[in-house]
Amino acid sequence: MGEAAENLNYDCNYNMFLAKIMLSNLSRPEDRQKAVKWMKKLATCNRSIEEMKLRNDFMYYLVVNIQQGELQPPFTDNPPTSPLPNIANLLPGGIAEVETNEMGEPSSTQQTKKPMLYENSPDGGAFLAAQPVPRCGAFCYLAVVAREPKHD
């Protein structure tokens, strides 16, 4: 698995640390217990790179829920005893809400909406998409544009 696995484990451990220190944000003891169950479940999901990526997606959304002080689905239920399902099917606005044709494939008539930043960018977001994204911290982009002075 190598370096990719090491990076995925680093991200998971960091989010696990955040989740543990913010558990007190959850006011209901039942929510804290469910969050701990999810953390224990996610800690065991490391059999393949794909499973680790999925685990990290769940871990990220669990941290967001704990930070907001309230658990949202799928974390309102106990974690599954089976392998993790695809998180996109569980989260609001995920794949489950995409219009599909009779074969269960995404509809070809459906328009995929780009993020507003890409829509308003003169190059369609190509420059931003090519920029490195830090593993920790923030990414900031500032553009300064000069206009030709108006001559009367």
N, C-alpha and C. Protein backbone atom coordinates (compact mmCIF):
# COMPACT_ATOMS: atom_id res chain seq x y z
N MET A 1 0.83 -1.20 0.00
CA MET A 1 0.00 0.00 0.00
C MET A 1 0.87 1.25 0.00
N GLY A 2 1.95 1.27 0.74
CA GLY A 2 2.94 2.32 0.63
C GLY A 2 2.53 3.69 1.13
N GLU A 3 3.03 4.69 0.40
CA GLU A 3 2.86 6.09 0.80
C GLU A 3 1.40 6.53 0.80
N ALA A 4 0.62 6.04 -0.13
CA ALA A 4 -0.81 6.41 -0.19
C ALA A 4 -1.50 5.97 1.10
N ALA A 5 -1.23 4.76 1.55
CA ALA A 5 -1.84 4.26 2.78
C ALA A 5 -1.37 5.08 3.97
N GLU A 6 -0.09 5.45 3.97
CA GLU A 6 0.45 6.25 5.06
C GLU A 6 -0.25 7.61 5.14
N ASN A 7 -0.46 8.24 3.99
CA ASN A 7 -1.15 9.54 3.95
C ASN A 7 -2.60 9.41 4.40
N LEU A 8 -3.28 8.34 3.95
CA LEU A 8 -4.67 8.13 4.35
C LEU A 8 -4.77 7.88 5.85
N ASN A 9 -3.83 7.11 6.40
CA ASN A 9 -3.84 6.86 7.85
C ASN A 9 -3.55 8.13 8.63
N TYR A 10 -2.64 8.96 8.11
CA TYR A 10 -2.35 10.23 8.77
C TYR A 10 -3.61 11.09 8.85
N ASP A 11 -4.32 11.21 7.72
CA ASP A 11 -5.55 12.01 7.69
C ASP A 11 -6.60 11.46 8.64
N CYS A 12 -6.74 10.14 8.66
CA CYS A 12 -7.72 9.51 9.54
C CYS A 12 -7.37 9.76 11.00
N ASN A 13 -6.10 9.57 11.35
CA ASN A 13 -5.67 9.78 12.74
C ASN A 13 -5.87 11.23 13.17
N TYR A 14 -5.61 12.15 12.27
CA TYR A 14 -5.81 13.57 12.58
C TYR A 14 -7.28 13.86 12.84
N ASN A 15 -8.16 13.35 11.97
CA ASN A 15 -9.59 13.56 12.16
C ASN A 15 -10.10 12.84 13.40
N MET A 16 -9.53 11.68 13.72
CA MET A 16 -9.90 10.95 14.93
C MET A 16 -9.55 11.80 16.16
N PHE A 17 -8.37 12.41 16.12
CA PHE A 17 -7.95 13.29 17.21
C PHE A 17 -8.94 14.45 17.37
N LEU A 18 -9.30 15.08 16.25
CA LEU A 18 -10.26 16.19 16.30
C LEU A 18 -11.60 15.74 16.87
N ALA A 19 -12.08 14.59 16.42
CA ALA A 19 -13.36 14.08 16.89
C ALA A 19 -13.33 13.84 18.39
N LYS A 20 -12.25 13.27 18.89
CA LYS A 20 -12.14 12.97 20.33
C LYS A 20 -12.14 14.24 21.16
N ILE A 21 -11.41 15.25 20.73
CA ILE A 21 -11.34 16.46 21.56
C ILE A 21 -12.61 17.31 21.47
N MET A 22 -13.42 17.09 20.44
CA MET A 22 -14.65 17.88 20.29
C MET A 22 -15.90 17.12 20.73
N LEU A 23 -15.75 15.90 21.25
CA LEU A 23 -16.92 15.10 21.63
C LEU A 23 -17.85 15.84 22.58
N SER A 24 -17.30 16.70 23.41
CA SER A 24 -18.14 17.44 24.36
C SER A 24 -19.08 18.42 23.66
N ASN A 25 -18.87 18.69 22.36
CA ASN A 25 -19.80 19.53 21.60
C ASN A 25 -21.18 18.87 21.48
N LEU A 26 -21.19 17.54 21.55
CA LEU A 26 -22.46 16.80 21.47
C LEU A 26 -23.10 16.82 22.84
N SER A 27 -24.24 17.47 22.96
CA SER A 27 -24.87 17.64 24.27
C SER A 27 -25.56 16.37 24.77
N ARG A 28 -26.03 15.54 23.86
CA ARG A 28 -26.74 14.33 24.27
C ARG A 28 -25.77 13.17 24.47
N PRO A 29 -25.84 12.50 25.63
CA PRO A 29 -24.96 11.35 25.87
C PRO A 29 -25.11 10.26 24.81
N GLU A 30 -26.34 10.06 24.30
CA GLU A 30 -26.56 9.03 23.28
C GLU A 30 -25.77 9.36 22.01
N ASP A 31 -25.72 10.64 21.66
CA ASP A 31 -24.97 11.06 20.47
C ASP A 31 -23.47 10.82 20.67
N ARG A 32 -22.97 11.11 21.87
CA ARG A 32 -21.55 10.87 22.15
C ARG A 32 -21.23 9.38 22.04
N GLN A 33 -22.14 8.53 22.54
CA GLN A 33 -21.93 7.08 22.47
C GLN A 33 -21.94 6.60 21.02
N LYS A 34 -22.85 7.12 20.22
CA LYS A 34 -22.90 6.73 18.80
C LYS A 34 -21.64 7.20 18.08
N ALA A 35 -21.19 8.40 18.38
CA ALA A 35 -19.98 8.92 17.74
C ALA A 35 -18.78 8.03 18.08
N VAL A 36 -18.68 7.59 19.32
CA VAL A 36 -17.58 6.72 19.74
C VAL A 36 -17.68 5.37 19.01
N LYS A 37 -18.89 4.85 18.87
CA LYS A 37 -19.08 3.59 18.14
C LYS A 37 -18.62 3.74 16.69
N TRP A 38 -18.97 4.88 16.07
CA TRP A 38 -18.56 5.13 14.69
C TRP A 38 -17.04 5.23 14.61
N MET A 39 -16.41 5.91 15.58
CA MET A 39 -14.95 6.03 15.55
C MET A 39 -14.29 4.66 15.67
N LYS A 40 -14.83 3.80 16.55
CA LYS A 40 -14.27 2.44 16.70
C LYS A 40 -14.44 1.65 15.40
N LYS A 41 -15.60 1.77 14.77
CA LYS A 41 -15.85 1.08 13.51
C LYS A 41 -14.87 1.57 12.44
N LEU A 42 -14.75 2.88 12.32
CA LEU A 42 -13.90 3.45 11.28
C LEU A 42 -12.43 3.11 11.49
N ALA A 43 -12.01 2.94 12.74
CA ALA A 43 -10.62 2.58 13.02
C ALA A 43 -10.26 1.20 12.48
N THR A 44 -11.26 0.36 12.25
CA THR A 44 -11.00 -0.99 11.74
C THR A 44 -11.07 -1.08 10.22
N CYS A 45 -11.41 -0.02 9.55
CA CYS A 45 -11.60 -0.03 8.09
C CYS A 45 -10.31 0.35 7.39
N ASN A 46 -9.44 -0.64 7.19
CA ASN A 46 -8.13 -0.35 6.59
C ASN A 46 -7.60 -1.51 5.75
N ARG A 47 -8.49 -2.30 5.18
CA ARG A 47 -8.06 -3.48 4.42
C ARG A 47 -7.57 -3.15 3.02
N SER A 48 -7.99 -2.04 2.44
CA SER A 48 -7.55 -1.67 1.09
C SER A 48 -7.53 -0.14 0.99
N ILE A 49 -6.88 0.36 -0.03
CA ILE A 49 -6.81 1.81 -0.26
C ILE A 49 -8.22 2.37 -0.44
N GLU A 50 -9.06 1.68 -1.22
CA GLU A 50 -10.42 2.16 -1.45
C GLU A 50 -11.21 2.23 -0.14
N GLU A 51 -11.08 1.21 0.70
CA GLU A 51 -11.78 1.22 1.98
C GLU A 51 -11.25 2.35 2.87
N MET A 52 -9.96 2.60 2.81
CA MET A 52 -9.38 3.67 3.61
C MET A 52 -9.88 5.04 3.14
N LYS A 53 -10.02 5.21 1.83
CA LYS A 53 -10.56 6.47 1.30
C LYS A 53 -12.00 6.66 1.77
N LEU A 54 -12.78 5.60 1.71
CA LEU A 54 -14.17 5.66 2.16
C LEU A 54 -14.24 5.95 3.65
N ARG A 55 -13.37 5.29 4.41
CA ARG A 55 -13.29 5.52 5.86
C ARG A 55 -13.00 6.99 6.14
N ASN A 56 -12.08 7.57 5.39
CA ASN A 56 -11.72 8.97 5.61
C ASN A 56 -12.88 9.91 5.27
N ASP A 57 -13.68 9.55 4.25
CA ASP A 57 -14.86 10.35 3.94
C ASP A 57 -15.84 10.33 5.12
N PHE A 58 -16.09 9.14 5.66
CA PHE A 58 -16.97 9.03 6.82
C PHE A 58 -16.39 9.81 7.99
N MET A 59 -15.09 9.68 8.21
CA MET A 59 -14.44 10.34 9.34
C MET A 59 -14.57 11.86 9.22
N TYR A 60 -14.39 12.38 8.02
CA TYR A 60 -14.51 13.82 7.80
C TYR A 60 -15.91 14.30 8.16
N TYR A 61 -16.94 13.61 7.66
CA TYR A 61 -18.31 14.04 7.93
C TYR A 61 -18.68 13.84 9.40
N LEU A 62 -18.10 12.84 10.04
CA LEU A 62 -18.34 12.66 11.47
C LEU A 62 -17.76 13.85 12.24
N VAL A 63 -16.56 14.28 11.90
CA VAL A 63 -15.95 15.44 12.55
C VAL A 63 -16.81 16.69 12.34
N VAL A 64 -17.30 16.88 11.13
CA VAL A 64 -18.17 18.04 10.84
C VAL A 64 -19.42 17.99 11.72
N ASN A 65 -20.02 16.82 11.85
CA ASN A 65 -21.22 16.67 12.69
C ASN A 65 -20.91 16.98 14.14
N ILE A 66 -19.81 16.44 14.65
CA ILE A 66 -19.43 16.67 16.05
C ILE A 66 -19.15 18.15 16.26
N GLN A 67 -18.47 18.76 15.32
CA GLN A 67 -18.15 20.19 15.43
C GLN A 67 -19.43 21.03 15.50
N GLN A 68 -20.46 20.64 14.74
CA GLN A 68 -21.72 21.38 14.73
C GLN A 68 -22.58 21.06 15.95
N GLY A 69 -22.20 20.03 16.71
CA GLY A 69 -22.90 19.72 17.95
C GLY A 69 -24.14 18.86 17.79
N GLU A 70 -24.35 18.29 16.60
CA GLU A 70 -25.52 17.46 16.36
C GLU A 70 -25.20 16.44 15.27
N LEU A 71 -25.56 15.18 15.55
CA LEU A 71 -25.32 14.13 14.55
C LEU A 71 -26.42 14.15 13.50
N GLN A 72 -26.01 13.97 12.25
CA GLN A 72 -26.91 13.87 11.11
C GLN A 72 -26.74 12.47 10.52
N PRO A 73 -27.71 12.00 9.71
CA PRO A 73 -27.55 10.69 9.07
C PRO A 73 -26.26 10.66 8.26
N PRO A 74 -25.58 9.57 8.25
CA PRO A 74 -25.89 8.25 8.77
C PRO A 74 -25.50 8.04 10.22
N PHE A 75 -24.95 9.06 10.86
CA PHE A 75 -24.41 8.90 12.21
C PHE A 75 -25.48 8.87 13.30
N THR A 76 -26.73 9.10 12.95
CA THR A 76 -27.82 9.01 13.92
C THR A 76 -28.13 7.55 14.24
N ASP A 77 -27.67 6.63 13.40
CA ASP A 77 -27.81 5.20 13.65
C ASP A 77 -26.46 4.63 14.05
N ASN A 78 -26.48 3.44 14.65
CA ASN A 78 -25.22 2.77 14.96
C ASN A 78 -24.53 2.38 13.65
N PRO A 79 -23.20 2.27 13.67
CA PRO A 79 -22.50 1.89 12.43
C PRO A 79 -22.87 0.48 12.01
N PRO A 80 -22.77 0.19 10.71
CA PRO A 80 -23.12 -1.15 10.24
C PRO A 80 -22.08 -2.17 10.71
N THR A 81 -22.52 -3.40 10.90
CA THR A 81 -21.58 -4.46 11.26
C THR A 81 -20.86 -4.98 10.02
N SER A 82 -21.45 -4.75 8.85
CA SER A 82 -20.87 -5.15 7.58
C SER A 82 -19.89 -4.06 7.12
N PRO A 83 -19.20 -4.27 5.98
CA PRO A 83 -18.32 -3.23 5.45
C PRO A 83 -19.10 -1.92 5.20
N LEU A 84 -18.37 -0.83 5.18
CA LEU A 84 -18.98 0.48 5.00
C LEU A 84 -19.68 0.58 3.65
N PRO A 85 -20.90 1.13 3.62
CA PRO A 85 -21.54 1.39 2.33
C PRO A 85 -20.96 2.66 1.73
N ASN A 86 -21.21 2.88 0.46
CA ASN A 86 -20.75 4.10 -0.19
C ASN A 86 -21.42 5.29 0.50
N ILE A 87 -20.64 6.22 0.99
CA ILE A 87 -21.17 7.35 1.76
C ILE A 87 -22.04 8.27 0.93
N ALA A 88 -21.82 8.32 -0.37
CA ALA A 88 -22.61 9.21 -1.23
C ALA A 88 -24.09 8.81 -1.21
N ASN A 89 -24.37 7.55 -0.96
CA ASN A 89 -25.76 7.10 -0.90
C ASN A 89 -26.42 7.46 0.43
N LEU A 90 -25.63 7.84 1.43
CA LEU A 90 -26.16 8.08 2.76
C LEU A 90 -26.31 9.55 3.11
N LEU A 91 -25.53 10.40 2.48
CA LEU A 91 -25.53 11.81 2.84
C LEU A 91 -26.58 12.58 2.06
N PRO A 92 -27.18 13.60 2.69
CA PRO A 92 -28.14 14.44 1.96
C PRO A 92 -27.46 15.07 0.75
N GLY A 93 -28.14 15.02 -0.40
CA GLY A 93 -27.58 15.59 -1.63
C GLY A 93 -26.61 14.66 -2.32
N GLY A 94 -26.49 13.43 -1.84
CA GLY A 94 -25.56 12.47 -2.44
C GLY A 94 -26.12 11.86 -3.71
N ILE A 95 -25.49 10.80 -4.16
CA ILE A 95 -25.86 10.15 -5.41
C ILE A 95 -27.30 9.66 -5.39
N ALA A 96 -27.81 9.32 -4.23
CA ALA A 96 -29.18 8.80 -4.14
C ALA A 96 -30.19 9.81 -4.67
N GLU A 97 -29.84 11.10 -4.65
CA GLU A 97 -30.78 12.12 -5.11
C GLU A 97 -30.57 12.52 -6.56
N VAL A 98 -29.64 11.87 -7.26
CA VAL A 98 -29.39 12.17 -8.66
C VAL A 98 -30.45 11.47 -9.50
N GLU A 99 -30.98 12.16 -10.49
CA GLU A 99 -31.98 11.57 -11.38
C GLU A 99 -31.34 10.47 -12.20
N THR A 100 -31.99 9.31 -12.28
CA THR A 100 -31.44 8.19 -13.02
C THR A 100 -32.42 7.73 -14.09
N ASN A 101 -31.89 7.02 -15.09
CA ASN A 101 -32.75 6.47 -16.14
C ASN A 101 -33.25 5.09 -15.71
N GLU A 102 -33.92 4.37 -16.60
CA GLU A 102 -34.52 3.08 -16.23
C GLU A 102 -33.47 2.02 -15.91
N MET A 103 -32.21 2.23 -16.32
CA MET A 103 -31.16 1.25 -16.04
C MET A 103 -30.40 1.61 -14.77
N GLY A 104 -30.83 2.66 -14.07
CA GLY A 104 -30.18 3.06 -12.84
C GLY A 104 -28.93 3.90 -13.04
N GLU A 105 -28.68 4.36 -14.27
CA GLU A 105 -27.53 5.19 -14.57
C GLU A 105 -27.93 6.65 -14.49
N PRO A 106 -26.97 7.55 -14.18
CA PRO A 106 -27.31 8.98 -14.17
C PRO A 106 -27.88 9.41 -15.51
N SER A 107 -28.90 10.22 -15.47
CA SER A 107 -29.57 10.68 -16.68
C SER A 107 -28.63 11.53 -17.52
N SER A 108 -28.62 11.29 -18.84
CA SER A 108 -27.74 12.05 -19.73
C SER A 108 -28.24 13.47 -19.93
N THR A 109 -29.51 13.73 -19.62
CA THR A 109 -30.05 15.06 -19.80
C THR A 109 -29.77 15.95 -18.59
N GLN A 110 -29.31 15.34 -17.52
CA GLN A 110 -29.08 16.12 -16.30
C GLN A 110 -27.82 16.97 -16.47
N GLN A 111 -27.93 18.24 -16.15
CA GLN A 111 -26.80 19.15 -16.22
C GLN A 111 -26.03 19.08 -14.90
N THR A 112 -24.71 18.93 -14.97
CA THR A 112 -23.91 18.98 -13.76
C THR A 112 -23.49 20.42 -13.57
N LYS A 113 -23.80 20.97 -12.43
CA LYS A 113 -23.52 22.37 -12.15
C LYS A 113 -22.13 22.49 -11.54
N LYS A 114 -21.29 23.33 -12.15
CA LYS A 114 -19.95 23.57 -11.65
C LYS A 114 -20.03 24.49 -10.44
N PRO A 115 -19.01 24.42 -9.56
CA PRO A 115 -18.97 25.37 -8.46
C PRO A 115 -18.94 26.81 -8.98
N MET A 116 -19.50 27.73 -8.22
CA MET A 116 -19.59 29.12 -8.64
C MET A 116 -18.21 29.70 -8.97
N LEU A 117 -17.20 29.31 -8.24
CA LEU A 117 -15.85 29.81 -8.49
C LEU A 117 -15.40 29.46 -9.90
N TYR A 118 -15.72 28.23 -10.35
CA TYR A 118 -15.34 27.80 -11.68
C TYR A 118 -16.19 28.50 -12.74
N GLU A 119 -17.48 28.69 -12.47
CA GLU A 119 -18.36 29.35 -13.42
C GLU A 119 -17.91 30.78 -13.70
N ASN A 120 -17.43 31.48 -12.67
CA ASN A 120 -17.07 32.88 -12.82
C ASN A 120 -15.62 33.09 -13.22
N SER A 121 -14.84 32.04 -13.29
CA SER A 121 -13.44 32.14 -13.65
C SER A 121 -13.31 32.23 -15.17
N PRO A 122 -12.47 33.14 -15.70
CA PRO A 122 -12.34 33.29 -17.15
C PRO A 122 -11.87 32.01 -17.85
N ASP A 123 -11.09 31.18 -17.14
CA ASP A 123 -10.59 29.94 -17.75
C ASP A 123 -11.40 28.71 -17.33
N GLY A 124 -12.57 28.94 -16.75
CA GLY A 124 -13.43 27.83 -16.34
C GLY A 124 -12.88 27.06 -15.15
N GLY A 125 -11.97 27.64 -14.40
CA GLY A 125 -11.41 26.99 -13.23
C GLY A 125 -10.17 26.16 -13.50
N ALA A 126 -9.66 26.20 -14.73
CA ALA A 126 -8.50 25.38 -15.09
C ALA A 126 -7.27 25.72 -14.24
N PHE A 127 -7.04 27.01 -14.02
CA PHE A 127 -5.87 27.41 -13.22
C PHE A 127 -6.00 26.88 -11.80
N LEU A 128 -7.15 27.08 -11.19
CA LEU A 128 -7.34 26.64 -9.80
C LEU A 128 -7.27 25.12 -9.67
N ALA A 129 -7.81 24.41 -10.63
CA ALA A 129 -7.80 22.95 -10.58
C ALA A 129 -6.38 22.40 -10.63
N ALA A 130 -5.47 23.13 -11.23
CA ALA A 130 -4.09 22.67 -11.37
C ALA A 130 -3.23 23.00 -10.15
N GLN A 131 -3.76 23.75 -9.19
CA GLN A 131 -2.98 24.16 -8.03
C GLN A 131 -2.95 23.07 -6.97
N PRO A 132 -1.84 23.00 -6.22
CA PRO A 132 -1.75 21.98 -5.16
C PRO A 132 -2.69 22.33 -4.01
N VAL A 133 -3.26 21.32 -3.40
CA VAL A 133 -4.14 21.51 -2.25
C VAL A 133 -3.42 20.95 -1.03
N PRO A 134 -3.23 21.75 0.00
CA PRO A 134 -2.48 21.27 1.17
C PRO A 134 -3.23 20.19 1.94
N ARG A 135 -2.49 19.27 2.56
CA ARG A 135 -3.11 18.23 3.38
C ARG A 135 -3.67 18.82 4.67
N CYS A 136 -2.99 19.80 5.22
CA CYS A 136 -3.45 20.47 6.43
C CYS A 136 -3.42 21.96 6.16
N GLY A 137 -4.31 22.68 6.76
CA GLY A 137 -4.30 24.12 6.60
C GLY A 137 -5.32 24.59 5.59
N ALA A 138 -5.05 25.73 4.99
CA ALA A 138 -6.02 26.34 4.09
C ALA A 138 -5.36 26.67 2.76
N PHE A 139 -6.18 26.78 1.76
CA PHE A 139 -5.74 27.18 0.43
C PHE A 139 -6.37 28.53 0.16
N CYS A 140 -5.56 29.50 -0.18
CA CYS A 140 -6.07 30.84 -0.44
C CYS A 140 -5.57 31.28 -1.81
N TYR A 141 -6.44 31.92 -2.55
CA TYR A 141 -6.08 32.40 -3.88
C TYR A 141 -6.51 33.85 -3.97
N LEU A 142 -5.60 34.70 -4.36
CA LEU A 142 -5.89 36.12 -4.51
C LEU A 142 -5.47 36.53 -5.91
N ALA A 143 -6.35 37.22 -6.60
CA ALA A 143 -6.03 37.70 -7.94
C ALA A 143 -6.20 39.21 -7.97
N VAL A 144 -5.24 39.87 -8.57
CA VAL A 144 -5.30 41.31 -8.74
C VAL A 144 -5.30 41.57 -10.24
N VAL A 145 -6.30 42.29 -10.69
CA VAL A 145 -6.44 42.56 -12.12
C VAL A 145 -6.39 44.07 -12.35
N ALA A 146 -5.56 44.47 -13.28
CA ALA A 146 -5.46 45.89 -13.61
C ALA A 146 -6.22 46.14 -14.90
N ARG A 147 -6.88 47.28 -14.95
CA ARG A 147 -7.61 47.65 -16.17
C ARG A 147 -6.89 48.82 -16.83
N GLU A 148 -7.00 48.87 -18.12
CA GLU A 148 -6.42 49.97 -18.88
C GLU A 148 -7.08 51.27 -18.44
N PRO A 149 -6.29 52.32 -18.18
CA PRO A 149 -6.92 53.59 -17.82
C PRO A 149 -7.70 54.17 -18.99
N LYS A 150 -8.80 54.79 -18.67
CA LYS A 150 -9.62 55.40 -19.72
C LYS A 150 -8.99 56.73 -20.15
N HIS A 151 -8.81 56.87 -21.43
CA HIS A 151 -8.29 58.12 -21.97
C HIS A 151 -9.42 58.86 -22.66
N ASP A 152 -9.57 60.13 -22.33
CA ASP A 152 -10.63 60.94 -22.93
C ASP A 152 -10.21 61.53 -24.23
